[in-house]
Amino acid sequence: MKLIFKITLPAEPFNALARKGMVGNKIKAILEATKPESIYFTGNESGRGAIAVYEVSDGSQVPSLGEPWFMTFDAKIEYSVAISPEEMAKANLDEVIKKWA
């Protein structure tokens, strides 16, 4: 399944690391360690952020993917799970709806 991280990078410590010329190396290290399927850097309510997509097999992987962002940038992460059409088909949604409708 896919795990989608909406990452907010607060001004500090980002600015302090940028002034020291360390932001690029820090981001590179996180990306090498967590290996996102894709990542896009964008603005958000704090001004700096990213959207990352990870392939995960279960929820136990969430901490090891989030901690590098938390510990390095004091990041805020909102995450959600996204499933493929094939995974959705396995959910047997018609039966679930019948049971709870």
N, C-alpha and C. Protein backbone atom coordinates (compact mmCIF):
# COMPACT_ATOMS: atom_id res chain seq x y z
N MET A 1 0.84 -1.18 0.00
CA MET A 1 0.00 0.00 0.00
C MET A 1 0.88 1.23 0.00
N LYS A 2 0.30 2.31 -0.39
CA LYS A 2 1.03 3.58 -0.43
C LYS A 2 0.75 4.37 0.85
N LEU A 3 1.77 4.98 1.34
CA LEU A 3 1.68 5.87 2.49
C LEU A 3 2.04 7.26 1.99
N ILE A 4 1.14 8.20 2.17
CA ILE A 4 1.36 9.56 1.69
C ILE A 4 1.67 10.46 2.88
N PHE A 5 2.81 11.09 2.84
CA PHE A 5 3.21 12.05 3.88
C PHE A 5 3.03 13.47 3.34
N LYS A 6 2.33 14.30 4.09
CA LYS A 6 2.31 15.73 3.84
C LYS A 6 3.22 16.33 4.92
N ILE A 7 4.38 16.78 4.50
CA ILE A 7 5.43 17.21 5.42
C ILE A 7 5.47 18.73 5.48
N THR A 8 5.43 19.26 6.69
CA THR A 8 5.59 20.70 6.91
C THR A 8 6.95 20.91 7.55
N LEU A 9 7.74 21.78 6.95
CA LEU A 9 9.08 22.10 7.45
C LEU A 9 9.05 23.49 8.05
N PRO A 10 9.03 23.59 9.38
CA PRO A 10 8.99 24.90 10.02
C PRO A 10 10.22 25.74 9.70
N ALA A 11 10.07 27.05 9.81
CA ALA A 11 11.17 27.97 9.50
C ALA A 11 12.43 27.61 10.29
N GLU A 12 12.26 27.25 11.54
CA GLU A 12 13.40 26.80 12.34
C GLU A 12 13.16 25.37 12.74
N PRO A 13 14.10 24.50 12.56
CA PRO A 13 15.51 24.71 12.34
C PRO A 13 15.94 24.80 10.87
N PHE A 14 14.99 24.80 9.93
CA PHE A 14 15.33 24.83 8.50
C PHE A 14 16.25 26.01 8.19
N ASN A 15 15.87 27.22 8.62
CA ASN A 15 16.68 28.40 8.30
C ASN A 15 18.10 28.30 8.86
N ALA A 16 18.22 27.81 10.08
CA ALA A 16 19.56 27.68 10.68
C ALA A 16 20.41 26.70 9.89
N LEU A 17 19.83 25.59 9.47
CA LEU A 17 20.57 24.63 8.66
C LEU A 17 20.92 25.21 7.29
N ALA A 18 20.00 25.99 6.73
CA ALA A 18 20.25 26.62 5.43
C ALA A 18 21.43 27.60 5.53
N ARG A 19 21.47 28.39 6.60
CA ARG A 19 22.56 29.35 6.78
C ARG A 19 23.92 28.66 6.90
N LYS A 20 23.90 27.44 7.42
CA LYS A 20 25.14 26.67 7.55
C LYS A 20 25.45 25.87 6.29
N GLY A 21 24.58 25.96 5.28
CA GLY A 21 24.79 25.22 4.04
C GLY A 21 24.54 23.72 4.19
N MET A 22 23.68 23.34 5.12
CA MET A 22 23.49 21.93 5.43
C MET A 22 22.15 21.35 4.96
N VAL A 23 21.22 22.16 4.49
CA VAL A 23 19.89 21.67 4.14
C VAL A 23 19.93 20.61 3.06
N GLY A 24 20.66 20.87 2.00
CA GLY A 24 20.73 19.91 0.90
C GLY A 24 21.24 18.55 1.34
N ASN A 25 22.30 18.55 2.14
CA ASN A 25 22.86 17.29 2.62
C ASN A 25 21.90 16.57 3.56
N LYS A 26 21.20 17.32 4.39
CA LYS A 26 20.24 16.72 5.32
C LYS A 26 19.09 16.08 4.55
N ILE A 27 18.55 16.79 3.57
CA ILE A 27 17.45 16.24 2.77
C ILE A 27 17.92 15.01 2.00
N LYS A 28 19.10 15.10 1.42
CA LYS A 28 19.65 13.96 0.67
C LYS A 28 19.78 12.74 1.58
N ALA A 29 20.25 12.94 2.80
CA ALA A 29 20.42 11.83 3.73
C ALA A 29 19.08 11.19 4.09
N ILE A 30 18.07 12.04 4.30
CA ILE A 30 16.73 11.51 4.61
C ILE A 30 16.19 10.71 3.43
N LEU A 31 16.33 11.24 2.23
CA LEU A 31 15.82 10.55 1.05
C LEU A 31 16.55 9.22 0.82
N GLU A 32 17.85 9.20 1.05
CA GLU A 32 18.60 7.95 0.90
C GLU A 32 18.19 6.92 1.95
N ALA A 33 17.88 7.39 3.16
CA ALA A 33 17.50 6.48 4.24
C ALA A 33 16.07 5.97 4.10
N THR A 34 15.16 6.82 3.63
CA THR A 34 13.74 6.45 3.61
C THR A 34 13.27 5.98 2.24
N LYS A 35 13.98 6.30 1.19
CA LYS A 35 13.69 5.86 -0.17
C LYS A 35 12.22 6.05 -0.58
N PRO A 36 11.76 7.29 -0.66
CA PRO A 36 10.38 7.49 -1.11
C PRO A 36 10.22 7.06 -2.56
N GLU A 37 9.02 6.59 -2.87
CA GLU A 37 8.70 6.25 -4.26
C GLU A 37 8.71 7.52 -5.11
N SER A 38 8.20 8.59 -4.52
CA SER A 38 8.26 9.91 -5.15
C SER A 38 8.18 10.97 -4.05
N ILE A 39 8.69 12.15 -4.37
CA ILE A 39 8.61 13.28 -3.44
C ILE A 39 8.60 14.56 -4.25
N TYR A 40 7.77 15.48 -3.82
CA TYR A 40 7.67 16.78 -4.47
C TYR A 40 7.73 17.84 -3.38
N PHE A 41 8.59 18.81 -3.56
CA PHE A 41 8.71 19.91 -2.60
C PHE A 41 7.78 21.01 -3.06
N THR A 42 7.06 21.58 -2.11
CA THR A 42 6.02 22.55 -2.42
C THR A 42 5.81 23.47 -1.23
N GLY A 43 5.03 24.48 -1.42
CA GLY A 43 4.66 25.34 -0.31
C GLY A 43 3.44 24.78 0.40
N ASN A 44 3.28 25.18 1.63
CA ASN A 44 2.06 24.87 2.39
C ASN A 44 1.87 25.96 3.43
N GLU A 45 1.05 25.71 4.44
CA GLU A 45 0.72 26.78 5.38
C GLU A 45 1.93 27.38 6.08
N SER A 46 3.02 26.64 6.16
CA SER A 46 4.22 27.19 6.81
C SER A 46 5.16 27.84 5.81
N GLY A 47 4.89 27.66 4.55
CA GLY A 47 5.76 28.21 3.52
C GLY A 47 6.64 27.16 2.87
N ARG A 48 7.06 26.12 3.62
CA ARG A 48 7.91 25.06 3.08
C ARG A 48 7.29 23.71 3.39
N GLY A 49 7.37 22.85 2.42
CA GLY A 49 6.84 21.52 2.67
C GLY A 49 7.16 20.56 1.56
N ALA A 50 6.62 19.37 1.70
CA ALA A 50 6.82 18.32 0.70
C ALA A 50 5.67 17.33 0.79
N ILE A 51 5.46 16.65 -0.32
CA ILE A 51 4.54 15.53 -0.38
C ILE A 51 5.39 14.33 -0.79
N ALA A 52 5.41 13.30 0.05
CA ALA A 52 6.20 12.10 -0.23
C ALA A 52 5.28 10.89 -0.28
N VAL A 53 5.59 9.97 -1.16
CA VAL A 53 4.84 8.72 -1.27
C VAL A 53 5.81 7.57 -1.02
N TYR A 54 5.42 6.72 -0.08
CA TYR A 54 6.22 5.55 0.26
C TYR A 54 5.41 4.29 0.01
N GLU A 55 6.07 3.23 -0.39
CA GLU A 55 5.45 1.91 -0.48
C GLU A 55 5.73 1.21 0.85
N VAL A 56 4.66 0.77 1.54
CA VAL A 56 4.82 0.11 2.82
C VAL A 56 3.99 -1.17 2.84
N SER A 57 4.42 -2.11 3.67
CA SER A 57 3.67 -3.35 3.82
C SER A 57 2.76 -3.32 5.04
N ASP A 58 3.13 -2.51 6.04
CA ASP A 58 2.27 -2.35 7.21
C ASP A 58 2.63 -1.09 7.99
N GLY A 59 1.79 -0.77 8.95
CA GLY A 59 1.94 0.47 9.70
C GLY A 59 3.18 0.57 10.55
N SER A 60 3.84 -0.54 10.83
CA SER A 60 5.03 -0.48 11.67
C SER A 60 6.17 0.30 11.01
N GLN A 61 6.05 0.55 9.71
CA GLN A 61 7.10 1.27 9.00
C GLN A 61 6.97 2.79 9.16
N VAL A 62 5.84 3.27 9.63
CA VAL A 62 5.60 4.71 9.72
C VAL A 62 6.65 5.41 10.59
N PRO A 63 6.96 4.93 11.78
CA PRO A 63 7.95 5.64 12.60
C PRO A 63 9.32 5.78 11.94
N SER A 64 9.81 4.73 11.31
CA SER A 64 11.14 4.83 10.71
C SER A 64 11.17 5.76 9.50
N LEU A 65 10.02 5.99 8.88
CA LEU A 65 9.96 6.94 7.77
C LEU A 65 9.77 8.37 8.27
N GLY A 66 9.08 8.54 9.38
CA GLY A 66 8.81 9.88 9.90
C GLY A 66 9.92 10.47 10.76
N GLU A 67 10.57 9.64 11.56
CA GLU A 67 11.55 10.16 12.51
C GLU A 67 12.67 10.97 11.89
N PRO A 68 13.22 10.58 10.74
CA PRO A 68 14.27 11.43 10.15
C PRO A 68 13.79 12.87 9.90
N TRP A 69 12.54 13.02 9.45
CA TRP A 69 12.00 14.37 9.22
C TRP A 69 11.78 15.09 10.54
N PHE A 70 11.23 14.38 11.53
CA PHE A 70 10.99 14.99 12.85
C PHE A 70 12.29 15.44 13.50
N MET A 71 13.26 14.52 13.55
CA MET A 71 14.50 14.80 14.27
C MET A 71 15.39 15.83 13.56
N THR A 72 15.35 15.86 12.25
CA THR A 72 16.20 16.78 11.50
C THR A 72 15.61 18.17 11.38
N PHE A 73 14.32 18.24 11.07
CA PHE A 73 13.69 19.52 10.76
C PHE A 73 12.56 19.91 11.72
N ASP A 74 12.35 19.14 12.78
CA ASP A 74 11.21 19.40 13.67
C ASP A 74 9.92 19.46 12.84
N ALA A 75 9.84 18.57 11.85
CA ALA A 75 8.75 18.58 10.89
C ALA A 75 7.43 18.17 11.53
N LYS A 76 6.37 18.59 10.88
CA LYS A 76 5.02 18.13 11.19
C LYS A 76 4.63 17.26 10.00
N ILE A 77 4.08 16.07 10.27
CA ILE A 77 3.69 15.18 9.19
C ILE A 77 2.24 14.73 9.38
N GLU A 78 1.46 14.94 8.35
CA GLU A 78 0.13 14.34 8.28
C GLU A 78 0.25 13.20 7.29
N TYR A 79 -0.29 12.04 7.63
CA TYR A 79 -0.15 10.94 6.70
C TYR A 79 -1.47 10.23 6.49
N SER A 80 -1.57 9.60 5.34
CA SER A 80 -2.75 8.80 5.02
C SER A 80 -2.32 7.63 4.15
N VAL A 81 -3.17 6.64 4.12
CA VAL A 81 -2.93 5.46 3.33
C VAL A 81 -3.72 5.58 2.04
N ALA A 82 -3.11 5.18 0.94
CA ALA A 82 -3.79 5.14 -0.35
C ALA A 82 -3.65 3.73 -0.90
N ILE A 83 -4.76 3.21 -1.41
CA ILE A 83 -4.72 1.86 -1.95
C ILE A 83 -5.02 1.89 -3.45
N SER A 84 -4.49 0.90 -4.13
CA SER A 84 -4.66 0.80 -5.59
C SER A 84 -6.06 0.27 -5.91
N PRO A 85 -6.49 0.41 -7.17
CA PRO A 85 -7.77 -0.18 -7.56
C PRO A 85 -7.83 -1.69 -7.29
N GLU A 86 -6.71 -2.37 -7.47
CA GLU A 86 -6.66 -3.81 -7.20
C GLU A 86 -6.86 -4.09 -5.71
N GLU A 87 -6.25 -3.29 -4.86
CA GLU A 87 -6.43 -3.46 -3.42
C GLU A 87 -7.87 -3.14 -3.03
N MET A 88 -8.44 -2.13 -3.66
CA MET A 88 -9.82 -1.77 -3.38
C MET A 88 -10.76 -2.92 -3.76
N ALA A 89 -10.48 -3.59 -4.88
CA ALA A 89 -11.31 -4.71 -5.31
C ALA A 89 -11.27 -5.85 -4.29
N LYS A 90 -10.13 -6.04 -3.64
CA LYS A 90 -10.00 -7.10 -2.62
C LYS A 90 -10.77 -6.76 -1.34
N ALA A 91 -11.19 -5.53 -1.18
CA ALA A 91 -11.85 -5.10 0.05
C ALA A 91 -13.27 -5.66 0.18
N ASN A 92 -13.82 -6.22 -0.91
CA ASN A 92 -15.16 -6.78 -0.87
C ASN A 92 -16.16 -5.75 -0.35
N LEU A 93 -16.08 -4.57 -0.90
CA LEU A 93 -16.86 -3.43 -0.43
C LEU A 93 -18.37 -3.68 -0.47
N ASP A 94 -18.87 -4.38 -1.48
CA ASP A 94 -20.31 -4.65 -1.56
C ASP A 94 -20.79 -5.40 -0.33
N GLU A 95 -20.03 -6.39 0.12
CA GLU A 95 -20.41 -7.15 1.31
C GLU A 95 -20.32 -6.30 2.58
N VAL A 96 -19.32 -5.47 2.66
CA VAL A 96 -19.17 -4.60 3.83
C VAL A 96 -20.35 -3.64 3.90
N ILE A 97 -20.72 -3.07 2.77
CA ILE A 97 -21.84 -2.13 2.75
C ILE A 97 -23.14 -2.82 3.12
N LYS A 98 -23.36 -4.04 2.60
CA LYS A 98 -24.58 -4.78 2.95
C LYS A 98 -24.66 -5.00 4.45
N LYS A 99 -23.54 -5.33 5.04
CA LYS A 99 -23.52 -5.61 6.49
C LYS A 99 -23.86 -4.36 7.30
N TRP A 100 -23.40 -3.19 6.88
CA TRP A 100 -23.52 -1.97 7.68
C TRP A 100 -24.58 -1.01 7.19
N ALA A 101 -25.22 -1.31 6.07
CA ALA A 101 -26.24 -0.38 5.54
C ALA A 101 -27.54 -0.49 6.30
